[in-house]
Amino acid sequence: MTALSNTPPEKTINTRILAVWGRVKTPFYYAMLVFWGIVCLAPLYYTLVFSLKPIENAYTPPLGWPTPFTFDNYLTVFKSFDLFPRWLYNSAFIAIVVTVLRVLFCAMAGYAFARIEFPFKNFLFTALLISMMMPGVVTLIPSFLVIGPGFIKGGIHLGSLTIPTGFHLLDSPGGVILPSVVDAFGVFMMTQFYKSFPKELEEAAEMDGSGRWGTFFRVVLPISQTQLLTLALLTFQGSWNNFMWPLLVLRSPENFTLPIGLQWFRGEYYTLYSVILAGSLFNTLPILILFFVFQRYFIRSIASSGSKEG
C-alpha cells in the first residue's frame, strides 16, 4: 500500500482545496480590485459626464462620453450665483485654519500624553478614547449652546459682573472653526506615534541646552512630518466636506461654505442635473488632488502608526 492510501480523506480534500486556491487567489484578488475600483470611480465618472452635457441632453443615459460636450454648465454656476466664489473662499479659509490649528494642537497633546507625566493622565487618555466611540450627533446640541447663546441665557450674574456661558459666534467662521481645532482621533494618532519615537534624540537635544518647547518644535515636529501630513490631509478633507455643523451655525448666504451653498443650489436648480453636478465637481476636485499628491505619506503613516503599542 502506498502512503497516499493511508492519508485520511479529509486531509486529501483540504490539500486539493489549498492547491486550487493557490492557483486562483491572485486572479481573484485582481478581479476584486478591479470591481471595487469601478464601484468607486463610477460616481465620479458619471458626475463628470453629466456636467459636460448640454442641458437639453441631461436626461440621456450617461454611458459614454457626451457628444457634443460643453463647458456652459460651469459658466452657469458662476453666472447664476454671484456668491459661488464666496462659498469657495469660505470653505478654503475654514478648512485651512482648522487644519493648521488641529495639526498643531493634536501634535502637542499627543506629545504630552506620550512623554510628560501629569496628574490624571491615564484618566484623561481613557476619556479621550471613550469620546472617539460617541456618535457626533450626541455633542451637536451642547456644542451649539457653547458656540451660541450659552447654557444659561444671558450668562451668570454675580452682582454687577456677568459671566457669559457661550462664545456668541453663530453665523461666523469662528463658530465653525472653534469646535474643530482639536480632534480625539488626531490626538490618539499622534500619541501612538510619539510613544515609538526614540528618546535618544530628545535626550541629545536636552544635552545641547534645548528646553521642552525647543525640543518639540526643532526636533520632534520635523521628524513627524509624515504623520502630520496625514493628519492634515484627513482634517482638510473632513472640514472641506463638513455639512451638518456649518448648517447649524451659519445663517447668512454670504457666510455659507460650499457644501451648504450646493444644497441651496440644488433647491434652485433641482431639475438641471448637469448644472448641479458641475457645481459638485468644485467640491470634489480639491480633495482628489490633495490625496493623489500626498497619498504616499498617508499610506506610510498608516503603516507606521497603526501597530504602535502604548
Protein backbone atom coordinates (compact mmCIF):
# COMPACT_ATOMS: atom_id res chain seq x y z
CA MET A 1 0.00 0.00 0.00
CA THR A 2 1.26 3.49 -0.82
CA ALA A 3 1.48 6.36 1.63
CA LEU A 4 -1.38 8.11 -0.20
CA SER A 5 -3.75 5.27 0.63
CA ASN A 6 -3.03 5.80 4.31
CA THR A 7 -3.86 9.54 4.15
CA PRO A 8 -7.23 10.46 5.71
CA PRO A 9 -9.84 11.59 3.14
CA GLU A 10 -10.35 14.93 4.94
CA LYS A 11 -6.67 15.81 4.64
CA THR A 12 -6.63 14.90 0.95
CA ILE A 13 -9.62 17.18 0.28
CA ASN A 14 -8.06 20.06 2.21
CA THR A 15 -4.84 19.66 0.26
CA ARG A 16 -6.70 19.80 -3.05
CA ILE A 17 -8.67 22.87 -1.94
CA LEU A 18 -5.48 24.66 -0.94
CA ALA A 19 -3.86 23.74 -4.25
CA VAL A 20 -6.82 25.11 -6.22
CA TRP A 21 -6.90 28.29 -4.07
CA GLY A 22 -3.18 28.79 -4.65
CA ARG A 23 -3.80 28.89 -8.39
CA VAL A 24 -6.87 31.18 -8.39
CA LYS A 25 -6.19 33.56 -5.48
CA THR A 26 -4.08 36.03 -7.47
CA PRO A 27 -6.62 36.41 -10.33
CA PHE A 28 -9.38 36.60 -7.70
CA TYR A 29 -7.64 39.43 -5.84
CA TYR A 30 -7.10 41.35 -9.07
CA ALA A 31 -10.74 40.83 -10.08
CA MET A 32 -11.94 42.17 -6.71
CA LEU A 33 -9.58 45.13 -7.03
CA VAL A 34 -10.93 45.96 -10.49
CA PHE A 35 -14.53 45.53 -9.30
CA TRP A 36 -14.14 47.86 -6.31
CA GLY A 37 -12.20 50.33 -8.45
CA ILE A 38 -15.13 50.51 -10.86
CA VAL A 39 -17.59 50.90 -7.98
CA CYS A 40 -15.57 53.77 -6.51
CA LEU A 41 -14.83 55.58 -9.78
CA ALA A 42 -18.25 55.20 -11.43
CA PRO A 43 -19.94 58.04 -9.45
CA LEU A 44 -17.08 60.41 -10.26
CA TYR A 45 -17.19 59.41 -13.92
CA TYR A 46 -20.94 59.94 -14.18
CA THR A 47 -20.63 63.29 -12.38
CA LEU A 48 -18.06 64.45 -14.94
CA VAL A 49 -20.09 63.14 -17.90
CA PHE A 50 -23.32 64.79 -16.67
CA SER A 51 -21.55 68.10 -16.02
CA LEU A 52 -20.30 68.23 -19.63
CA LYS A 53 -23.69 67.53 -21.19
CA PRO A 54 -25.82 70.25 -22.73
CA ILE A 55 -28.89 70.92 -20.63
CA GLU A 56 -31.21 69.60 -23.34
CA ASN A 57 -29.38 66.22 -23.25
CA ALA A 58 -29.16 65.98 -19.47
CA TYR A 59 -31.57 63.04 -19.21
CA THR A 60 -29.96 60.79 -21.80
CA PRO A 61 -28.10 57.76 -20.37
CA PRO A 62 -24.53 58.80 -19.44
CA LEU A 63 -22.87 55.59 -20.59
CA GLY A 64 -20.29 57.21 -22.84
CA TRP A 65 -18.50 60.48 -23.31
CA PRO A 66 -21.07 63.18 -24.16
CA THR A 67 -21.20 64.21 -27.81
CA PRO A 68 -21.27 67.13 -28.08
CA PHE A 69 -19.84 68.21 -24.75
CA THR A 70 -19.85 71.73 -23.37
CA PHE A 71 -18.45 73.79 -20.50
CA ASP A 72 -21.53 76.00 -20.38
CA ASN A 73 -22.72 74.32 -17.20
CA TYR A 74 -19.62 75.53 -15.34
CA LEU A 75 -20.18 79.04 -16.61
CA THR A 76 -23.80 78.83 -15.48
CA VAL A 77 -22.64 78.00 -11.96
CA PHE A 78 -20.67 81.25 -11.71
CA LYS A 79 -23.12 83.42 -13.61
CA SER A 80 -26.26 82.26 -11.80
CA PHE A 81 -24.80 82.57 -8.28
CA ASP A 82 -22.69 85.62 -7.51
CA LEU A 83 -21.94 84.07 -4.11
CA PHE A 84 -20.35 80.90 -5.52
CA PRO A 85 -16.77 82.28 -5.41
CA ARG A 86 -17.51 83.49 -1.89
CA TRP A 87 -18.57 79.98 -0.86
CA LEU A 88 -15.34 78.60 -2.29
CA TYR A 89 -13.34 81.16 -0.32
CA ASN A 90 -15.23 80.43 2.91
CA SER A 91 -14.67 76.68 2.58
CA ALA A 92 -10.97 77.14 1.80
CA PHE A 93 -10.42 79.63 4.65
CA ILE A 94 -12.19 77.49 7.26
CA ALA A 95 -10.53 74.27 6.08
CA ILE A 96 -7.03 75.78 6.11
CA VAL A 97 -7.40 77.39 9.55
CA VAL A 98 -8.91 74.23 11.06
CA THR A 99 -6.16 72.09 9.52
CA VAL A 100 -3.31 74.24 10.82
CA LEU A 101 -4.71 74.55 14.34
CA ARG A 102 -5.73 70.90 14.65
CA VAL A 103 -2.38 69.58 13.47
CA LEU A 104 -0.56 71.83 15.94
CA PHE A 105 -2.78 71.14 18.95
CA CYS A 106 -3.10 67.39 18.29
CA ALA A 107 0.68 67.10 17.95
CA MET A 108 1.19 68.99 21.22
CA ALA A 109 -1.43 66.93 23.06
CA GLY A 110 -0.11 63.66 21.64
CA TYR A 111 3.43 64.52 22.70
CA ALA A 112 2.22 65.39 26.21
CA PHE A 113 0.39 62.07 26.58
CA ALA A 114 3.38 60.14 25.27
CA ARG A 115 6.23 61.87 27.10
CA ILE A 116 5.06 64.04 30.01
CA GLU A 117 3.79 62.75 33.33
CA PHE A 118 0.98 64.82 34.81
CA PRO A 119 -1.98 64.19 37.17
CA PHE A 120 -4.91 62.18 35.80
CA LYS A 121 -3.00 61.38 32.61
CA ASN A 122 -4.40 57.85 32.23
CA PHE A 123 -7.91 59.00 33.15
CA LEU A 124 -7.85 61.77 30.54
CA PHE A 125 -6.49 59.44 27.85
CA THR A 126 -9.22 56.90 28.63
CA ALA A 127 -11.83 59.66 28.40
CA LEU A 128 -10.31 60.59 25.06
CA LEU A 129 -10.74 57.02 23.78
CA ILE A 130 -14.33 56.92 25.04
CA SER A 131 -15.12 60.16 23.23
CA MET A 132 -13.99 58.53 19.98
CA MET A 133 -16.76 55.95 20.39
CA MET A 134 -19.53 58.54 20.83
CA PRO A 135 -21.62 59.50 17.78
CA GLY A 136 -21.06 63.06 16.68
CA VAL A 137 -24.76 63.91 16.90
CA VAL A 138 -24.61 63.44 20.68
CA THR A 139 -22.47 66.56 21.06
CA LEU A 140 -24.24 68.74 18.48
CA ILE A 141 -26.62 70.48 20.91
CA PRO A 142 -24.03 71.07 23.69
CA SER A 143 -21.55 72.40 21.11
CA PHE A 144 -24.23 74.65 19.62
CA LEU A 145 -25.03 76.10 23.05
CA VAL A 146 -21.37 76.73 23.83
CA ILE A 147 -20.72 78.40 20.47
CA GLY A 148 -24.01 80.32 20.56
CA PRO A 149 -26.06 81.73 23.45
CA GLY A 150 -24.59 79.52 26.16
CA PHE A 151 -26.15 77.06 28.57
CA ILE A 152 -27.63 79.90 30.63
CA LYS A 153 -29.33 82.64 28.64
CA GLY A 154 -27.86 86.00 29.50
CA GLY A 155 -24.91 84.45 31.34
CA ILE A 156 -24.22 84.09 35.06
CA HIS A 157 -24.81 87.27 37.06
CA LEU A 158 -22.57 87.89 40.05
CA GLY A 159 -23.59 91.30 41.26
CA SER A 160 -22.54 93.76 38.59
CA LEU A 161 -20.40 91.12 36.88
CA THR A 162 -21.87 88.99 34.08
CA ILE A 163 -20.03 85.82 33.07
CA PRO A 164 -21.09 84.59 29.60
CA THR A 165 -21.61 80.86 29.16
CA GLY A 166 -21.30 80.94 25.38
CA PHE A 167 -18.99 82.45 22.77
CA HIS A 168 -21.79 84.07 20.69
CA LEU A 169 -20.13 83.05 17.43
CA LEU A 170 -23.22 82.00 15.49
CA ASP A 171 -23.25 82.93 11.80
CA SER A 172 -19.49 83.48 11.68
CA PRO A 173 -16.49 81.44 10.52
CA GLY A 174 -15.23 81.34 14.11
CA GLY A 175 -18.30 79.35 15.13
CA VAL A 176 -17.39 76.67 12.59
CA ILE A 177 -13.68 76.70 13.38
CA LEU A 178 -13.61 76.69 17.20
CA PRO A 179 -15.14 73.23 17.90
CA SER A 180 -12.89 71.65 15.26
CA VAL A 181 -9.44 72.75 16.41
CA VAL A 182 -8.88 69.55 18.43
CA ASP A 183 -9.90 66.04 17.47
CA ALA A 184 -9.75 62.89 19.61
CA PHE A 185 -8.58 60.72 16.73
CA GLY A 186 -5.79 63.16 15.90
CA VAL A 187 -4.56 63.18 19.50
CA PHE A 188 -4.69 59.37 19.64
CA MET A 189 -2.84 59.03 16.33
CA MET A 190 -0.03 61.37 17.38
CA THR A 191 0.19 59.78 20.84
CA GLN A 192 0.75 56.35 19.32
CA PHE A 193 3.44 57.74 17.06
CA TYR A 194 5.30 59.61 19.79
CA LYS A 195 5.30 56.54 22.04
CA SER A 196 7.51 54.87 19.43
CA PHE A 197 9.65 57.97 18.96
CA PRO A 198 13.29 57.35 20.02
CA LYS A 199 14.01 59.16 23.28
CA GLU A 200 17.71 59.39 22.42
CA LEU A 201 17.02 62.26 20.03
CA GLU A 202 15.24 64.23 22.75
CA GLU A 203 17.97 63.49 25.27
CA ALA A 204 20.63 64.67 22.81
CA ALA A 205 18.69 67.91 22.27
CA GLU A 206 18.42 68.44 26.04
CA MET A 207 22.15 67.90 26.43
CA ASP A 208 22.70 70.66 23.89
CA GLY A 209 20.68 73.01 26.09
CA SER A 210 17.30 72.77 24.37
CA GLY A 211 14.22 73.01 26.61
CA ARG A 212 10.97 71.11 26.29
CA TRP A 213 9.46 73.58 23.81
CA GLY A 214 12.64 73.85 21.77
CA THR A 215 12.95 70.07 21.55
CA PHE A 216 9.35 69.75 20.44
CA PHE A 217 9.47 72.39 17.70
CA ARG A 218 13.05 71.81 16.47
CA VAL A 219 13.43 68.05 16.78
CA VAL A 220 10.10 66.28 17.25
CA LEU A 221 7.91 68.13 14.74
CA PRO A 222 10.33 67.94 11.77
CA ILE A 223 10.69 64.17 12.18
CA SER A 224 6.88 63.82 12.47
CA GLN A 225 6.17 65.27 9.05
CA THR A 226 4.68 62.06 7.61
CA GLN A 227 2.13 61.74 10.42
CA LEU A 228 1.47 65.47 10.41
CA LEU A 229 0.80 65.50 6.66
CA THR A 230 -1.57 62.54 7.02
CA LEU A 231 -3.45 64.24 9.84
CA ALA A 232 -3.55 67.46 7.81
CA LEU A 233 -4.99 65.63 4.79
CA LEU A 234 -7.70 63.91 6.84
CA THR A 235 -8.53 67.16 8.64
CA PHE A 236 -8.75 69.21 5.46
CA GLN A 237 -10.98 66.60 3.85
CA GLY A 238 -13.33 66.48 6.82
CA SER A 239 -13.50 70.26 7.16
CA TRP A 240 -13.94 70.88 3.43
CA ASN A 241 -16.81 68.39 3.22
CA ASN A 242 -18.37 69.25 6.58
CA PHE A 243 -22.08 69.87 6.16
CA MET A 244 -24.02 69.36 9.38
CA TRP A 245 -22.15 71.70 11.71
CA PRO A 246 -21.90 74.69 9.30
CA LEU A 247 -25.59 74.16 8.51
CA LEU A 248 -26.42 74.66 12.20
CA VAL A 249 -24.09 77.61 12.78
CA LEU A 250 -24.23 79.67 9.58
CA ARG A 251 -27.34 81.67 8.70
CA SER A 252 -26.37 84.32 6.13
CA PRO A 253 -25.86 83.19 2.49
CA GLU A 254 -22.59 85.15 2.22
CA ASN A 255 -21.17 83.09 5.11
CA PHE A 256 -22.11 79.71 3.67
CA THR A 257 -19.49 77.11 2.91
CA LEU A 258 -19.53 75.29 -0.41
CA PRO A 259 -21.45 72.15 0.73
CA ILE A 260 -24.25 74.32 2.16
CA GLY A 261 -24.24 76.53 -0.91
CA LEU A 262 -24.56 73.49 -3.14
CA GLN A 263 -27.59 72.39 -1.15
CA TRP A 264 -29.17 75.77 -1.83
CA PHE A 265 -28.06 75.41 -5.42
CA ARG A 266 -29.89 72.10 -5.71
CA GLY A 267 -33.04 73.67 -4.36
CA GLU A 268 -32.86 76.36 -7.03
CA TYR A 269 -31.96 74.04 -9.93
CA TYR A 270 -33.46 70.77 -8.85
CA THR A 271 -34.16 69.63 -12.43
CA LEU A 272 -30.92 70.77 -14.11
CA TYR A 273 -28.72 67.89 -13.06
CA SER A 274 -25.90 68.80 -15.42
CA VAL A 275 -25.59 72.23 -13.76
CA ILE A 276 -25.86 70.74 -10.27
CA LEU A 277 -23.09 68.21 -10.90
CA ALA A 278 -20.88 70.86 -12.46
CA GLY A 279 -21.07 72.70 -9.14
CA SER A 280 -20.46 69.47 -7.23
CA LEU A 281 -17.16 68.89 -9.01
CA PHE A 282 -15.77 72.05 -7.41
CA ASN A 283 -16.36 70.38 -4.06
CA THR A 284 -14.71 67.11 -5.13
CA LEU A 285 -11.61 68.08 -7.10
CA PRO A 286 -9.57 69.70 -4.29
CA ILE A 287 -9.81 66.56 -2.15
CA LEU A 288 -8.85 64.30 -5.05
CA ILE A 289 -5.87 66.47 -5.94
CA LEU A 290 -4.64 66.55 -2.34
CA PHE A 291 -4.99 62.80 -1.96
CA PHE A 292 -3.08 61.98 -5.15
CA VAL A 293 -0.31 64.40 -4.22
CA PHE A 294 0.10 63.16 -0.63
CA GLN A 295 -1.09 59.55 -0.87
CA ARG A 296 2.37 58.11 -0.21
CA TYR A 297 2.56 59.97 3.10
CA PHE A 298 -0.91 58.76 4.01
CA ILE A 299 -0.07 55.10 3.33
CA ARG A 300 3.29 55.38 5.08
CA SER A 301 1.69 56.90 8.18
CA ILE A 302 -0.99 54.23 8.45
CA ALA A 303 1.64 51.51 8.12
CA SER A 304 3.96 53.05 10.72
CA SER A 305 1.49 54.23 13.38
CA GLY A 306 -1.32 51.70 13.19
CA SER A 307 0.56 48.97 15.06
CA LYS A 308 2.20 51.06 17.79
CA GLU A 309 1.52 49.94 21.30
CA GLY A 310 1.42 52.14 24.39
